[in-house]
Protein backbone atom coordinates (compact mmCIF):
# COMPACT_ATOMS: atom_id res chain seq x y z
CA UNK A 1 17.86 -18.82 -14.59
CA UNK A 2 14.84 -20.90 -12.83
CA UNK A 3 16.41 -20.10 -9.20
CA UNK A 4 17.75 -17.15 -9.94
CA UNK A 5 13.52 -15.53 -10.27
CA UNK A 6 12.90 -17.34 -7.04
CA UNK A 7 15.77 -16.50 -5.28
CA UNK A 8 14.41 -12.55 -6.53
CA UNK A 9 11.16 -12.76 -5.07
CA UNK A 10 11.65 -14.24 -1.94
CA UNK A 11 14.12 -12.10 -1.35
CA UNK A 12 12.03 -9.03 -2.55
CA UNK A 13 8.88 -10.41 -0.10
CA UNK A 14 11.28 -10.49 2.75
CA UNK A 15 12.47 -6.75 2.91
CA UNK A 16 8.70 -5.65 1.22
CA UNK A 17 7.12 -7.28 4.24
CA UNK A 18 9.56 -5.63 6.57
CA UNK A 19 9.32 -2.54 5.22
CA UNK A 20 5.93 -2.83 5.61
CA UNK A 21 5.44 -4.20 8.91
CA UNK A 22 8.24 -0.60 9.94
CA UNK A 23 6.33 1.64 8.56
CA UNK A 24 2.97 0.57 10.11
CA UNK A 25 4.58 0.51 13.89
CA UNK A 26 6.45 3.93 12.80
CA UNK A 27 3.41 5.84 11.41
CA UNK A 28 1.45 5.09 14.86
CA UNK A 29 4.06 7.54 16.79
CA UNK A 30 0.88 10.02 16.83
CA UNK A 31 -0.25 8.25 20.19
CA UNK A 32 2.33 9.43 22.21
CA UNK A 33 3.55 12.26 19.83
CA UNK A 34 0.12 14.28 18.76
CA UNK A 35 -0.08 14.86 15.05
CA UNK A 36 1.52 18.56 15.73
CA UNK A 37 4.05 17.06 16.09
CA UNK A 38 4.52 13.21 14.00
CA UNK A 39 2.50 14.62 11.43
CA UNK A 40 3.46 18.80 10.91
CA UNK A 41 2.34 18.49 6.59
CA UNK A 42 -0.64 16.74 7.83
CA UNK A 43 -1.72 18.57 10.95
CA UNK A 44 -4.17 21.18 8.80
CA UNK A 45 -6.31 18.40 9.01
CA UNK A 46 -7.15 18.88 12.88
CA UNK A 47 -8.88 22.01 11.79
CA UNK A 48 -12.90 20.69 10.57
CA UNK A 49 -11.01 17.87 9.17
CA UNK A 50 -10.60 16.15 11.95
CA UNK A 51 -12.23 12.20 11.38
CA UNK A 52 -11.46 11.60 8.50
CA UNK A 53 -8.05 12.17 9.28
CA UNK A 54 -8.00 10.24 12.65
CA UNK A 55 -9.58 7.66 10.19
CA UNK A 56 -6.85 8.42 7.26
CA UNK A 57 -3.64 7.29 9.82
CA UNK A 58 -5.57 5.55 12.88
CA UNK A 59 -6.38 2.33 10.18
CA UNK A 60 -3.89 2.35 7.05
CA UNK A 61 -1.38 1.53 9.25
CA UNK A 62 -3.21 -1.87 10.20
CA UNK A 63 -3.31 -3.00 6.70
CA UNK A 64 -0.21 -2.14 5.50
CA UNK A 65 1.00 -4.71 8.55
CA UNK A 66 -1.39 -7.43 7.43
CA UNK A 67 -0.58 -7.46 4.35
CA UNK A 68 2.39 -8.66 3.58
CA UNK A 69 1.09 -12.24 6.13
CA UNK A 70 -1.06 -12.39 2.78
CA UNK A 71 1.27 -13.15 -0.21
CA UNK A 72 3.31 -15.95 1.91
CA UNK A 73 1.90 -19.09 0.92
CA UNK A 74 2.45 -21.02 3.24
CA UNK A 75 1.08 -19.74 6.26
CA UNK A 76 -1.73 -18.74 3.88
CA UNK A 77 -2.43 -22.40 3.07
CA UNK A 78 -0.98 -24.22 7.15
CA UNK A 79 -3.34 -21.22 7.97
CA UNK A 80 -6.68 -20.40 5.05
CA UNK A 81 -9.59 -19.73 8.60
CA UNK A 82 -7.00 -16.55 9.67
CA UNK A 83 -5.90 -15.87 6.08
CA UNK A 84 -8.92 -14.50 5.10
CA UNK A 85 -10.12 -12.92 8.78
CA UNK A 86 -7.16 -11.07 7.86
CA UNK A 87 -8.38 -10.33 4.41
CA UNK A 88 -11.48 -9.37 5.83
CA UNK A 89 -9.61 -6.68 7.94
CA UNK A 90 -6.83 -5.94 5.49
CA UNK A 91 -10.31 -4.96 3.04
CA UNK A 92 -12.00 -3.44 6.63
CA UNK A 93 -8.99 -1.22 6.23
CA UNK A 94 -8.52 -0.08 3.60
CA UNK A 95 -12.78 1.22 2.32
CA UNK A 96 -11.85 3.31 5.58
CA UNK A 97 -8.72 4.25 5.10
CA UNK A 98 -9.54 4.59 1.33
CA UNK A 99 -12.27 7.15 2.26
CA UNK A 100 -11.42 9.23 4.31
CA UNK A 101 -8.02 9.54 2.22
CA UNK A 102 -9.87 10.81 -0.68
CA UNK A 103 -11.52 13.51 1.32
CA UNK A 104 -8.08 14.93 3.32
CA UNK A 105 -7.10 15.24 -1.35
CA UNK A 106 -9.54 17.48 -1.45
CA UNK A 107 -8.38 19.40 1.91
CA UNK A 108 -5.36 19.85 1.19
CA UNK A 109 -2.79 23.23 1.37
CA UNK A 110 -0.65 20.88 -1.20
CA UNK A 111 -1.05 21.98 -4.00
CA UNK A 112 -4.34 20.72 -6.45
CA UNK A 113 -1.80 18.41 -8.98
CA UNK A 114 -0.85 16.98 -5.02
CA UNK A 115 -4.61 16.61 -4.12
CA UNK A 116 -5.51 15.45 -7.33
CA UNK A 117 -2.29 12.56 -7.34
CA UNK A 118 -3.02 11.08 -3.98
CA UNK A 119 -6.96 11.31 -4.61
CA UNK A 120 -6.18 8.99 -7.57
CA UNK A 121 -4.65 6.95 -4.84
CA UNK A 122 -7.34 6.87 -2.71
CA UNK A 123 -10.12 5.86 -5.03
CA UNK A 124 -7.50 3.19 -7.67
CA UNK A 125 -6.69 1.43 -3.34
CA UNK A 126 -10.53 0.88 -2.68
CA UNK A 127 -11.37 0.31 -6.20
CA UNK A 128 -8.81 -2.87 -6.84
CA UNK A 129 -9.65 -4.04 -3.39
CA UNK A 130 -13.16 -4.22 -4.02
CA UNK A 131 -12.45 -5.71 -7.72
CA UNK A 132 -10.23 -8.71 -5.25
CA UNK A 133 -12.57 -8.99 -2.91
CA UNK A 134 -15.36 -9.66 -5.03
CA UNK A 135 -13.25 -12.60 -6.82
CA UNK A 136 -13.34 -14.07 -4.00
CA UNK A 137 -17.49 -14.33 -2.86
CA UNK A 138 -16.88 -15.78 -6.23
CA UNK A 139 -14.22 -18.42 -5.46
CA UNK A 140 -12.56 -16.39 -8.77
CA UNK A 141 -8.79 -16.48 -6.35
CA UNK A 142 -5.90 -16.81 -9.22
CA UNK A 143 -7.93 -13.35 -10.91
CA UNK A 144 -9.27 -12.09 -6.32
CA UNK A 145 -5.17 -13.08 -5.99
CA UNK A 146 -4.05 -10.90 -8.64
CA UNK A 147 -6.33 -7.96 -7.87
CA UNK A 148 -5.27 -7.75 -4.89
CA UNK A 149 -1.51 -8.06 -5.33
CA UNK A 150 -2.31 -4.41 -7.22
CA UNK A 151 -3.53 -3.56 -3.95
CA UNK A 152 -1.16 -4.62 -2.16
CA UNK A 153 1.48 -2.48 -4.37
CA UNK A 154 -0.95 1.03 -3.67
CA UNK A 155 -0.81 -0.19 -0.17
CA UNK A 156 2.67 -0.13 -0.65
CA UNK A 157 3.01 3.51 -1.62
CA UNK A 158 3.34 4.35 2.19
CA UNK A 159 6.64 3.11 2.28
CA UNK A 160 7.17 4.35 -1.30
CA UNK A 161 6.74 7.82 -0.06
CA UNK A 162 7.97 7.76 2.80
CA UNK A 163 11.43 7.00 1.30
CA UNK A 164 11.04 9.29 -1.31
CA UNK A 165 10.38 12.17 0.66
CA UNK A 166 13.61 10.52 3.27
CA UNK A 167 15.34 11.22 -0.39
CA UNK A 168 14.66 15.08 -0.71
CA UNK A 169 15.54 16.37 2.73
CA UNK A 170 18.62 14.67 2.33
CA UNK A 171 18.55 16.32 -0.37
CA UNK A 172 17.50 19.81 1.10
CA UNK A 173 14.62 20.33 -2.01
CA UNK A 174 12.11 22.55 -1.34
CA UNK A 175 9.04 20.09 0.60
CA UNK A 176 6.34 21.75 -1.55
CA UNK A 177 7.86 20.82 -4.68
CA UNK A 178 7.96 17.73 -4.14
CA UNK A 179 5.80 16.64 -1.98
CA UNK A 180 3.53 17.23 -4.77
CA UNK A 181 6.28 15.25 -6.68
CA UNK A 182 5.59 12.68 -4.65
CA UNK A 183 1.77 12.35 -3.88
CA UNK A 184 2.18 10.08 -7.99
CA UNK A 185 5.41 8.84 -7.35
CA UNK A 186 4.72 7.05 -4.59
CA UNK A 187 2.35 4.96 -6.22
CA UNK A 188 2.16 5.27 -10.48
CA UNK A 189 4.95 3.15 -10.77
CA UNK A 190 4.03 0.69 -7.92
CA UNK A 191 1.26 -0.08 -9.55
CA UNK A 192 3.37 -0.03 -12.77
CA UNK A 193 5.29 -2.31 -11.52
CA UNK A 194 2.38 -5.67 -10.10
CA UNK A 195 1.06 -5.10 -13.95
CA UNK A 196 5.50 -5.93 -14.74
CA UNK A 197 4.83 -9.53 -13.06
CA UNK A 198 2.38 -10.06 -13.82
CA UNK A 199 2.29 -9.66 -17.50
CA UNK A 200 6.26 -11.91 -16.67
CA UNK A 201 6.52 -13.03 -14.23
CA UNK A 202 3.32 -14.95 -11.67
CA UNK A 203 3.87 -18.38 -12.02
CA UNK A 204 2.96 -19.99 -14.94
CA UNK A 205 3.20 -16.91 -17.60
CA UNK A 206 4.52 -15.22 -19.67
CA UNK A 207 8.65 -15.77 -20.50
CA UNK A 208 10.14 -15.62 -17.07
CA UNK A 209 6.98 -16.88 -14.83
CA UNK A 210 8.29 -20.62 -14.92
CA UNK A 211 8.11 -21.82 -11.17
CA UNK A 212 7.94 -17.39 -9.49
CA UNK A 213 6.58 -17.02 -6.32
CA UNK A 214 6.29 -13.99 -4.10
CA UNK A 215 7.15 -16.01 -1.00
CA UNK A 216 6.20 -19.41 0.23
């Protein structure tokens, strides 16, 4: 049973890492294509809210690309200095893109339900990351890792959002309705999954925790 959970943990990490780096790279398609073509549903922010838009779409992918490396145990142990510097990049990217995302949420044309969902995501994203940063400064690394896992689950919302949008488009769902629901669905299940992992599957915690790690 322990081996089963270890294999699942490693497989989940590899999947998360590949998807995160891939989506981060694809997110920069607005550079050659322009926002109007690459992100039509966000193009309305160009009129009067362009700074927040570019701060969000230009910086958030950095956090997504860096995030998997922070949970690679072998890399963290062999290159602790690099881990710390990447952590600084991750935190700074979230602070910038999170504040910008909150600004965008207030001005979205997708409606108040979607705006509230994205706005809460921005607030919780910054808050969990800030908590993890404070714990690292205090050298409380056990709790630091737990809070950064919560932060990572919210960072991964960039991936789940695109997955759900793809599914909605494949089934020819009404975009406005689907987008409003996805504004919540892209991050709430992720946050709950992180809590389940921390409660039951983290090493030394709960019924299934012994021997399970995020990545080696």
